[in-house]
């Protein structure tokens, strides 16, 4: 049997961070641990090769997970929830049950194209469903219980006070 892949302090620190913040991206790992990028990439690649970590690319970012700790569909949802605006849109719709494009625009005060871009990501990521009501598009969360549970389970990793308030509201605290 070979040496323990987590024997090195840097690898242990990376593993602990990825365990605590599943779906964390490369720059966030570097910022939190203060490792040089080359050293960090070496250890992340080694840990992937040894099947300790798994990664998933989300457009332009590579996200890291402890292998087998998070299911594949949850990895996809969690990678979307890592983006604050996407997470806030989902939490709004969860609390309202359904929301129109106008409801979402009124809440976030962003341009139409920005809201549309984010809603498209969430619908293509199978987090949101759409239905037409006349000329209006209504958005709802495909699996509200599972999505809310995912947000609540990983709320500490989001570092967002809005998530705490959402968890309290969802759980009826």
N, C-alpha and C. Protein backbone atom coordinates (compact mmCIF):
# COMPACT_ATOMS: atom_id res chain seq x y z
N UNK A 1 0.85 -1.18 0.00
CA UNK A 1 0.00 0.00 0.00
C UNK A 1 0.89 1.24 0.00
N UNK A 2 0.58 2.21 -0.85
CA UNK A 2 1.38 3.43 -1.00
C UNK A 2 1.14 4.41 0.14
N UNK A 3 1.83 5.52 0.05
CA UNK A 3 1.68 6.55 1.09
C UNK A 3 0.28 7.16 1.06
N UNK A 4 -0.14 7.68 2.19
CA UNK A 4 -1.44 8.34 2.32
C UNK A 4 -1.44 9.60 1.46
N UNK A 5 -2.37 9.71 0.48
CA UNK A 5 -2.38 10.89 -0.39
C UNK A 5 -2.66 12.19 0.37
N UNK A 6 -3.25 12.09 1.56
CA UNK A 6 -3.55 13.28 2.36
C UNK A 6 -2.51 13.52 3.45
N UNK A 7 -1.38 12.83 3.33
CA UNK A 7 -0.32 12.96 4.32
C UNK A 7 0.26 14.38 4.34
N UNK A 8 0.34 15.00 3.18
CA UNK A 8 0.91 16.35 3.10
C UNK A 8 -0.08 17.39 3.63
N UNK A 9 0.45 18.35 4.34
CA UNK A 9 -0.38 19.39 4.97
C UNK A 9 -1.21 20.17 3.94
N UNK A 10 -0.61 20.52 2.81
CA UNK A 10 -1.35 21.27 1.78
C UNK A 10 -2.54 20.47 1.26
N UNK A 11 -2.35 19.18 1.02
CA UNK A 11 -3.45 18.35 0.51
C UNK A 11 -4.55 18.21 1.55
N UNK A 12 -4.16 18.04 2.81
CA UNK A 12 -5.17 17.96 3.88
C UNK A 12 -5.98 19.25 3.94
N UNK A 13 -5.30 20.38 3.84
CA UNK A 13 -5.98 21.69 3.90
C UNK A 13 -6.94 21.84 2.72
N UNK A 14 -6.50 21.43 1.54
CA UNK A 14 -7.35 21.50 0.34
C UNK A 14 -8.57 20.60 0.52
N UNK A 15 -8.33 19.37 0.97
CA UNK A 15 -9.43 18.42 1.17
C UNK A 15 -10.45 18.95 2.17
N UNK A 16 -9.98 19.48 3.28
CA UNK A 16 -10.88 20.02 4.30
C UNK A 16 -11.69 21.19 3.76
N UNK A 17 -11.05 22.05 2.98
CA UNK A 17 -11.75 23.20 2.41
C UNK A 17 -12.81 22.76 1.41
N UNK A 18 -12.47 21.83 0.53
CA UNK A 18 -13.43 21.34 -0.46
C UNK A 18 -14.57 20.58 0.22
N UNK A 19 -14.27 19.88 1.31
CA UNK A 19 -15.33 19.20 2.08
C UNK A 19 -16.31 20.21 2.66
N UNK A 20 -15.77 21.30 3.17
CA UNK A 20 -16.61 22.32 3.82
C UNK A 20 -17.37 23.16 2.80
N UNK A 21 -16.76 23.40 1.63
CA UNK A 21 -17.35 24.24 0.59
C UNK A 21 -17.43 23.49 -0.74
N UNK A 22 -18.29 22.46 -0.85
CA UNK A 22 -18.38 21.71 -2.10
C UNK A 22 -18.75 22.64 -3.26
N UNK A 23 -18.08 22.45 -4.38
CA UNK A 23 -18.34 23.29 -5.54
C UNK A 23 -17.50 24.56 -5.55
N UNK A 24 -16.53 24.63 -4.66
CA UNK A 24 -15.65 25.81 -4.59
C UNK A 24 -14.78 25.84 -5.84
N UNK A 25 -14.48 27.03 -6.34
CA UNK A 25 -13.68 27.12 -7.55
C UNK A 25 -12.22 27.44 -7.21
N UNK A 26 -11.38 27.25 -8.21
CA UNK A 26 -9.93 27.33 -8.06
C UNK A 26 -9.46 28.60 -7.37
N UNK A 27 -9.91 29.75 -7.83
CA UNK A 27 -9.45 31.02 -7.25
C UNK A 27 -9.88 31.17 -5.79
N UNK A 28 -11.06 30.67 -5.46
CA UNK A 28 -11.51 30.74 -4.06
C UNK A 28 -10.65 29.86 -3.17
N UNK A 29 -10.25 28.69 -3.67
CA UNK A 29 -9.35 27.82 -2.90
C UNK A 29 -8.02 28.54 -2.69
N UNK A 30 -7.51 29.13 -3.76
CA UNK A 30 -6.22 29.83 -3.66
C UNK A 30 -6.31 30.99 -2.66
N UNK A 31 -7.38 31.74 -2.74
CA UNK A 31 -7.54 32.91 -1.87
C UNK A 31 -7.62 32.48 -0.40
N UNK A 32 -8.37 31.42 -0.13
CA UNK A 32 -8.55 30.98 1.26
C UNK A 32 -7.30 30.33 1.84
N UNK A 33 -6.57 29.59 1.01
CA UNK A 33 -5.40 28.87 1.54
C UNK A 33 -4.09 29.63 1.34
N UNK A 34 -4.07 30.59 0.44
CA UNK A 34 -2.86 31.38 0.22
C UNK A 34 -1.74 30.61 -0.45
N UNK A 35 -2.08 29.56 -1.17
CA UNK A 35 -1.06 28.78 -1.88
C UNK A 35 -0.77 29.42 -3.24
N UNK A 36 0.46 29.22 -3.72
CA UNK A 36 0.78 29.68 -5.07
C UNK A 36 -0.04 28.85 -6.05
N UNK A 37 -0.45 29.47 -7.15
CA UNK A 37 -1.34 28.81 -8.11
C UNK A 37 -0.74 27.51 -8.64
N UNK A 38 0.53 27.49 -8.97
CA UNK A 38 1.16 26.27 -9.48
C UNK A 38 1.14 25.14 -8.47
N UNK A 39 1.41 25.46 -7.22
CA UNK A 39 1.39 24.45 -6.15
C UNK A 39 -0.03 23.93 -5.97
N UNK A 40 -0.99 24.83 -5.94
CA UNK A 40 -2.39 24.45 -5.76
C UNK A 40 -2.85 23.55 -6.90
N UNK A 41 -2.57 23.96 -8.13
CA UNK A 41 -2.99 23.16 -9.29
C UNK A 41 -2.35 21.77 -9.27
N UNK A 42 -1.09 21.69 -8.87
CA UNK A 42 -0.41 20.40 -8.77
C UNK A 42 -1.16 19.48 -7.80
N UNK A 43 -1.47 19.99 -6.61
CA UNK A 43 -2.15 19.17 -5.60
C UNK A 43 -3.58 18.81 -6.02
N UNK A 44 -4.29 19.76 -6.62
CA UNK A 44 -5.65 19.46 -7.08
C UNK A 44 -5.63 18.39 -8.17
N UNK A 45 -4.71 18.50 -9.11
CA UNK A 45 -4.60 17.49 -10.17
C UNK A 45 -4.25 16.12 -9.59
N UNK A 46 -3.33 16.11 -8.63
CA UNK A 46 -2.94 14.86 -7.98
C UNK A 46 -4.15 14.23 -7.28
N UNK A 47 -4.90 15.05 -6.55
CA UNK A 47 -6.05 14.54 -5.80
C UNK A 47 -7.17 14.06 -6.73
N UNK A 48 -7.29 14.66 -7.89
CA UNK A 48 -8.26 14.17 -8.88
C UNK A 48 -7.79 12.83 -9.44
N UNK A 49 -6.50 12.74 -9.77
CA UNK A 49 -5.93 11.51 -10.32
C UNK A 49 -6.08 10.35 -9.33
N UNK A 50 -5.95 10.66 -8.04
CA UNK A 50 -6.07 9.64 -7.00
C UNK A 50 -7.52 9.39 -6.58
N UNK A 51 -8.47 10.01 -7.29
CA UNK A 51 -9.91 9.85 -7.03
C UNK A 51 -10.34 10.32 -5.64
N UNK A 52 -9.66 11.33 -5.13
CA UNK A 52 -10.05 11.93 -3.85
C UNK A 52 -11.03 13.06 -4.12
N UNK A 53 -10.73 13.85 -5.15
CA UNK A 53 -11.59 14.96 -5.54
C UNK A 53 -12.11 14.72 -6.95
N UNK A 54 -13.23 15.35 -7.24
CA UNK A 54 -13.78 15.38 -8.60
C UNK A 54 -13.98 16.84 -8.96
N UNK A 55 -13.92 17.12 -10.24
CA UNK A 55 -14.15 18.50 -10.67
C UNK A 55 -15.22 18.52 -11.74
N UNK A 56 -15.79 19.68 -11.89
CA UNK A 56 -16.82 19.90 -12.90
C UNK A 56 -16.62 21.31 -13.43
N UNK A 57 -16.69 21.46 -14.73
CA UNK A 57 -16.52 22.78 -15.32
C UNK A 57 -17.88 23.42 -15.50
N UNK A 58 -17.99 24.65 -15.04
CA UNK A 58 -19.23 25.41 -15.13
C UNK A 58 -18.96 26.62 -16.02
N UNK A 59 -19.02 26.40 -17.32
CA UNK A 59 -18.70 27.49 -18.24
C UNK A 59 -17.22 27.77 -18.22
N UNK A 60 -16.83 28.77 -17.46
CA UNK A 60 -15.44 29.19 -17.43
C UNK A 60 -14.74 28.85 -16.12
N UNK A 61 -15.45 28.26 -15.16
CA UNK A 61 -14.84 27.96 -13.87
C UNK A 61 -14.80 26.45 -13.64
N UNK A 62 -13.76 26.01 -12.98
CA UNK A 62 -13.64 24.60 -12.60
C UNK A 62 -13.99 24.52 -11.12
N UNK A 63 -14.98 23.69 -10.80
CA UNK A 63 -15.48 23.55 -9.44
C UNK A 63 -15.04 22.21 -8.88
N UNK A 64 -14.71 22.18 -7.60
CA UNK A 64 -14.18 20.97 -6.97
C UNK A 64 -15.13 20.43 -5.91
N UNK A 65 -15.22 19.09 -5.86
CA UNK A 65 -16.05 18.38 -4.91
C UNK A 65 -15.25 17.20 -4.37
N UNK A 66 -15.57 16.79 -3.14
CA UNK A 66 -15.02 15.53 -2.64
C UNK A 66 -15.76 14.43 -3.41
N UNK A 67 -15.00 13.54 -4.02
CA UNK A 67 -15.61 12.49 -4.83
C UNK A 67 -16.61 11.68 -4.01
N UNK A 68 -17.74 11.44 -4.59
CA UNK A 68 -18.83 10.65 -4.00
C UNK A 68 -19.57 11.34 -2.86
N UNK A 69 -19.13 12.51 -2.42
CA UNK A 69 -19.82 13.19 -1.31
C UNK A 69 -21.10 13.87 -1.79
N UNK A 70 -21.14 14.29 -3.06
CA UNK A 70 -22.29 14.99 -3.61
C UNK A 70 -22.69 14.28 -4.90
N UNK A 71 -24.00 13.97 -5.05
CA UNK A 71 -24.46 13.26 -6.25
C UNK A 71 -24.30 14.15 -7.48
N UNK A 72 -24.28 13.52 -8.65
CA UNK A 72 -24.07 14.26 -9.89
C UNK A 72 -25.13 15.35 -10.12
N UNK A 73 -26.43 15.05 -9.98
CA UNK A 73 -27.41 16.13 -10.18
C UNK A 73 -27.25 17.26 -9.16
N UNK A 74 -26.89 16.91 -7.92
CA UNK A 74 -26.68 17.94 -6.91
C UNK A 74 -25.45 18.78 -7.23
N UNK A 75 -24.43 18.18 -7.83
CA UNK A 75 -23.24 18.95 -8.23
C UNK A 75 -23.63 20.04 -9.22
N UNK A 76 -24.47 19.67 -10.18
CA UNK A 76 -24.90 20.65 -11.18
C UNK A 76 -25.69 21.78 -10.53
N UNK A 77 -26.64 21.43 -9.67
CA UNK A 77 -27.43 22.46 -8.98
C UNK A 77 -26.55 23.29 -8.06
N UNK A 78 -25.67 22.64 -7.34
CA UNK A 78 -24.80 23.35 -6.40
C UNK A 78 -23.86 24.30 -7.13
N UNK A 79 -23.39 23.89 -8.30
CA UNK A 79 -22.52 24.79 -9.05
C UNK A 79 -23.27 26.05 -9.48
N UNK A 80 -24.55 25.93 -9.79
CA UNK A 80 -25.36 27.11 -10.10
C UNK A 80 -25.60 27.95 -8.84
N UNK A 81 -25.85 27.28 -7.72
CA UNK A 81 -26.13 27.99 -6.46
C UNK A 81 -24.90 28.73 -5.93
N UNK A 82 -23.73 28.40 -6.42
CA UNK A 82 -22.50 29.10 -6.00
C UNK A 82 -22.52 30.55 -6.47
N UNK A 83 -23.30 30.84 -7.51
CA UNK A 83 -23.39 32.21 -8.02
C UNK A 83 -24.51 32.94 -7.28
N UNK A 84 -24.14 34.00 -6.61
CA UNK A 84 -25.07 34.68 -5.70
C UNK A 84 -26.39 35.09 -6.36
N UNK A 85 -26.35 35.68 -7.53
CA UNK A 85 -27.58 36.15 -8.16
C UNK A 85 -28.49 34.97 -8.52
N UNK A 86 -27.91 33.87 -9.00
CA UNK A 86 -28.71 32.69 -9.32
C UNK A 86 -29.35 32.13 -8.05
N UNK A 87 -28.56 32.07 -6.99
CA UNK A 87 -29.06 31.56 -5.70
C UNK A 87 -30.21 32.44 -5.20
N UNK A 88 -30.07 33.74 -5.30
CA UNK A 88 -31.11 34.65 -4.81
C UNK A 88 -32.39 34.56 -5.65
N UNK A 89 -32.23 34.38 -6.96
CA UNK A 89 -33.41 34.19 -7.81
C UNK A 89 -34.15 32.92 -7.40
N UNK A 90 -33.42 31.84 -7.20
CA UNK A 90 -34.04 30.57 -6.81
C UNK A 90 -34.73 30.71 -5.45
N UNK A 91 -34.08 31.37 -4.50
CA UNK A 91 -34.69 31.53 -3.17
C UNK A 91 -35.97 32.37 -3.26
N UNK A 92 -35.96 33.41 -4.09
CA UNK A 92 -37.17 34.23 -4.29
C UNK A 92 -38.31 33.37 -4.81
N UNK A 93 -38.03 32.58 -5.84
CA UNK A 93 -39.07 31.74 -6.45
C UNK A 93 -39.52 30.66 -5.47
N UNK A 94 -38.60 30.10 -4.70
CA UNK A 94 -39.00 29.10 -3.70
C UNK A 94 -39.98 29.69 -2.69
N UNK A 95 -39.69 30.89 -2.22
CA UNK A 95 -40.55 31.51 -1.21
C UNK A 95 -41.90 31.95 -1.79
N UNK A 96 -41.92 32.35 -3.06
CA UNK A 96 -43.17 32.78 -3.70
C UNK A 96 -43.92 31.60 -4.34
N UNK A 97 -43.25 30.49 -4.54
CA UNK A 97 -43.71 29.30 -5.25
C UNK A 97 -43.66 29.48 -6.76
N UNK A 98 -44.09 30.64 -7.25
CA UNK A 98 -44.01 30.97 -8.68
C UNK A 98 -43.72 32.44 -8.80
N UNK A 99 -43.02 32.82 -9.87
CA UNK A 99 -42.73 34.23 -10.09
C UNK A 99 -42.67 34.52 -11.58
N UNK A 100 -43.19 35.67 -11.95
CA UNK A 100 -43.12 36.09 -13.35
C UNK A 100 -41.79 36.79 -13.59
N UNK A 101 -41.49 36.98 -14.85
CA UNK A 101 -40.27 37.70 -15.22
C UNK A 101 -40.29 39.09 -14.59
N UNK A 102 -41.46 39.74 -14.61
CA UNK A 102 -41.59 41.08 -14.04
C UNK A 102 -41.34 41.06 -12.53
N UNK A 103 -41.87 40.04 -11.82
CA UNK A 103 -41.63 39.92 -10.37
C UNK A 103 -40.13 39.87 -10.09
N UNK A 104 -39.43 39.10 -10.88
CA UNK A 104 -37.99 38.92 -10.68
C UNK A 104 -37.25 40.22 -11.01
N UNK A 105 -37.64 40.87 -12.08
CA UNK A 105 -37.01 42.16 -12.44
C UNK A 105 -37.24 43.20 -11.34
N UNK A 106 -38.46 43.26 -10.81
CA UNK A 106 -38.77 44.23 -9.76
C UNK A 106 -37.94 43.99 -8.51
N UNK A 107 -37.69 42.73 -8.21
CA UNK A 107 -36.95 42.38 -7.00
C UNK A 107 -35.46 42.70 -7.12
N UNK A 108 -34.88 42.48 -8.29
CA UNK A 108 -33.43 42.57 -8.43
C UNK A 108 -32.92 43.82 -9.11
N UNK A 109 -33.77 44.58 -9.74
CA UNK A 109 -33.35 45.85 -10.35
C UNK A 109 -32.15 45.67 -11.29
N UNK A 110 -32.21 44.62 -12.08
CA UNK A 110 -31.18 44.37 -13.09
C UNK A 110 -31.81 44.54 -14.47
N UNK A 111 -30.98 44.64 -15.49
CA UNK A 111 -31.51 44.80 -16.85
C UNK A 111 -32.24 43.53 -17.28
N UNK A 112 -33.14 43.71 -18.27
CA UNK A 112 -33.89 42.58 -18.81
C UNK A 112 -32.95 41.49 -19.31
N UNK A 113 -31.92 41.91 -20.03
CA UNK A 113 -31.01 40.93 -20.63
C UNK A 113 -30.24 40.15 -19.56
N UNK A 114 -29.89 40.82 -18.46
CA UNK A 114 -29.17 40.14 -17.37
C UNK A 114 -30.08 39.12 -16.70
N UNK A 115 -31.31 39.53 -16.38
CA UNK A 115 -32.27 38.61 -15.76
C UNK A 115 -32.53 37.44 -16.70
N UNK A 116 -32.74 37.73 -17.97
CA UNK A 116 -33.01 36.69 -18.96
C UNK A 116 -31.85 35.70 -19.04
N UNK A 117 -30.62 36.20 -19.04
CA UNK A 117 -29.43 35.35 -19.07
C UNK A 117 -29.41 34.40 -17.88
N UNK A 118 -29.67 34.92 -16.69
CA UNK A 118 -29.63 34.10 -15.48
C UNK A 118 -30.78 33.09 -15.45
N UNK A 119 -31.96 33.50 -15.87
CA UNK A 119 -33.10 32.57 -15.90
C UNK A 119 -32.85 31.44 -16.90
N UNK A 120 -32.22 31.77 -18.01
CA UNK A 120 -31.89 30.75 -19.01
C UNK A 120 -30.93 29.72 -18.42
N UNK A 121 -29.91 30.19 -17.68
CA UNK A 121 -28.97 29.27 -17.04
C UNK A 121 -29.70 28.33 -16.08
N UNK A 122 -30.63 28.88 -15.31
CA UNK A 122 -31.36 28.07 -14.33
C UNK A 122 -32.33 27.10 -14.99
N UNK A 123 -32.95 27.48 -16.10
CA UNK A 123 -33.85 26.55 -16.79
C UNK A 123 -33.05 25.48 -17.52
N UNK A 124 -31.95 25.86 -18.15
CA UNK A 124 -31.10 24.87 -18.83
C UNK A 124 -30.43 23.94 -17.83
N UNK A 125 -30.21 24.41 -16.61
CA UNK A 125 -29.62 23.59 -15.55
C UNK A 125 -30.65 22.75 -14.81
N UNK A 126 -31.89 22.73 -15.31
CA UNK A 126 -32.98 21.94 -14.73
C UNK A 126 -33.27 22.29 -13.28
N UNK A 127 -33.12 23.56 -12.94
CA UNK A 127 -33.49 24.04 -11.61
C UNK A 127 -34.87 24.68 -11.68
N UNK A 128 -35.12 25.43 -12.76
CA UNK A 128 -36.41 26.11 -12.93
C UNK A 128 -37.19 25.53 -14.10
N UNK A 129 -38.51 25.58 -13.95
CA UNK A 129 -39.43 25.22 -15.04
C UNK A 129 -40.16 26.49 -15.45
N UNK A 130 -40.62 26.52 -16.69
CA UNK A 130 -41.37 27.68 -17.17
C UNK A 130 -42.75 27.23 -17.64
N UNK A 131 -43.69 28.15 -17.54
CA UNK A 131 -45.01 27.93 -18.12
C UNK A 131 -45.51 29.28 -18.61
N UNK A 132 -46.30 29.24 -19.66
CA UNK A 132 -46.85 30.47 -20.23
C UNK A 132 -48.21 30.75 -19.60
N UNK A 133 -48.43 32.01 -19.29
CA UNK A 133 -49.72 32.48 -18.79
C UNK A 133 -50.05 33.72 -19.61
N UNK A 134 -50.76 33.50 -20.71
CA UNK A 134 -50.99 34.60 -21.65
C UNK A 134 -49.67 34.95 -22.32
N UNK A 135 -49.28 36.22 -22.18
CA UNK A 135 -48.01 36.66 -22.78
C UNK A 135 -46.87 36.59 -21.78
N UNK A 136 -47.18 36.17 -20.57
CA UNK A 136 -46.19 36.19 -19.49
C UNK A 136 -45.60 34.80 -19.27
N UNK A 137 -44.32 34.77 -18.91
CA UNK A 137 -43.67 33.51 -18.55
C UNK A 137 -43.59 33.45 -17.03
N UNK A 138 -44.04 32.32 -16.49
CA UNK A 138 -44.03 32.10 -15.05
C UNK A 138 -42.96 31.05 -14.74
N UNK A 139 -42.15 31.33 -13.74
CA UNK A 139 -41.06 30.44 -13.35
C UNK A 139 -41.38 29.76 -12.03
N UNK A 140 -41.02 28.49 -11.94
CA UNK A 140 -41.16 27.76 -10.68
C UNK A 140 -39.95 26.83 -10.54
N UNK A 141 -39.68 26.42 -9.32
CA UNK A 141 -38.56 25.51 -9.06
C UNK A 141 -39.05 24.09 -9.34
N UNK A 142 -38.29 23.33 -10.10
CA UNK A 142 -38.70 21.98 -10.50
C UNK A 142 -38.88 21.07 -9.29
N UNK A 143 -37.94 21.05 -8.38
CA UNK A 143 -38.04 20.21 -7.18
C UNK A 143 -37.79 21.10 -5.96
N UNK A 144 -38.84 21.79 -5.49
CA UNK A 144 -38.65 22.78 -4.43
C UNK A 144 -38.04 22.22 -3.15
N UNK A 145 -38.52 21.06 -2.70
CA UNK A 145 -38.01 20.49 -1.44
C UNK A 145 -36.53 20.16 -1.54
N UNK A 146 -36.17 19.50 -2.63
CA UNK A 146 -34.77 19.10 -2.80
C UNK A 146 -33.86 20.32 -2.96
N UNK A 147 -34.32 21.30 -3.72
CA UNK A 147 -33.51 22.51 -3.94
C UNK A 147 -33.34 23.29 -2.65
N UNK A 148 -34.43 23.44 -1.89
CA UNK A 148 -34.35 24.14 -0.60
C UNK A 148 -33.42 23.38 0.34
N UNK A 149 -33.53 22.06 0.35
CA UNK A 149 -32.67 21.25 1.23
C UNK A 149 -31.20 21.41 0.85
N UNK A 150 -30.93 21.47 -0.44
CA UNK A 150 -29.55 21.67 -0.92
C UNK A 150 -29.01 23.02 -0.44
N UNK A 151 -29.81 24.06 -0.56
CA UNK A 151 -29.39 25.40 -0.11
C UNK A 151 -29.16 25.40 1.39
N UNK A 152 -30.07 24.78 2.13
CA UNK A 152 -29.96 24.76 3.60
C UNK A 152 -28.77 23.92 4.04
N UNK A 153 -28.58 22.77 3.41
CA UNK A 153 -27.47 21.88 3.77
C UNK A 153 -26.13 22.57 3.60
N UNK A 154 -25.98 23.31 2.52
CA UNK A 154 -24.69 23.94 2.23
C UNK A 154 -24.68 25.43 2.52
N UNK A 155 -25.61 25.90 3.36
CA UNK A 155 -25.73 27.35 3.60
C UNK A 155 -24.45 27.97 4.17
N UNK A 156 -23.74 27.24 5.01
CA UNK A 156 -22.51 27.79 5.58
C UNK A 156 -21.46 28.05 4.51
N UNK A 157 -21.51 27.29 3.44
CA UNK A 157 -20.51 27.45 2.39
C UNK A 157 -20.80 28.64 1.48
N UNK A 158 -22.00 29.21 1.58
CA UNK A 158 -22.35 30.33 0.71
C UNK A 158 -21.93 31.68 1.27
N UNK A 159 -21.70 31.78 2.57
CA UNK A 159 -21.28 33.03 3.20
C UNK A 159 -22.21 34.18 2.82
N UNK A 160 -23.50 33.95 2.97
CA UNK A 160 -24.50 34.91 2.53
C UNK A 160 -25.61 34.97 3.57
N UNK A 161 -25.82 36.13 4.17
CA UNK A 161 -26.84 36.26 5.22
C UNK A 161 -28.24 36.05 4.66
N UNK A 162 -28.43 36.28 3.36
CA UNK A 162 -29.74 36.06 2.75
C UNK A 162 -30.10 34.58 2.83
N UNK A 163 -29.12 33.70 2.71
CA UNK A 163 -29.36 32.26 2.80
C UNK A 163 -29.84 31.91 4.21
N UNK A 164 -29.26 32.52 5.22
CA UNK A 164 -29.71 32.26 6.59
C UNK A 164 -31.17 32.67 6.77
N UNK A 165 -31.53 33.83 6.25
CA UNK A 165 -32.93 34.29 6.36
C UNK A 165 -33.86 33.38 5.56
N UNK A 166 -33.40 32.92 4.38
CA UNK A 166 -34.20 31.99 3.59
C UNK A 166 -34.42 30.70 4.37
N UNK A 167 -33.36 30.16 4.96
CA UNK A 167 -33.47 28.90 5.71
C UNK A 167 -34.47 29.06 6.85
N UNK A 168 -34.41 30.16 7.56
CA UNK A 168 -35.36 30.41 8.65
C UNK A 168 -36.79 30.46 8.12
N UNK A 169 -36.99 31.16 7.01
CA UNK A 169 -38.33 31.28 6.43
C UNK A 169 -38.83 29.94 5.92
N UNK A 170 -37.98 29.19 5.23
CA UNK A 170 -38.38 27.90 4.65
C UNK A 170 -38.72 26.89 5.75
N UNK A 171 -37.93 26.89 6.80
CA UNK A 171 -38.14 25.94 7.88
C UNK A 171 -39.18 26.43 8.88
N UNK A 172 -39.67 27.66 8.69
CA UNK A 172 -40.70 28.20 9.57
C UNK A 172 -40.20 28.57 10.94
N UNK A 173 -38.94 28.96 11.03
CA UNK A 173 -38.35 29.31 12.33
C UNK A 173 -38.68 30.74 12.68
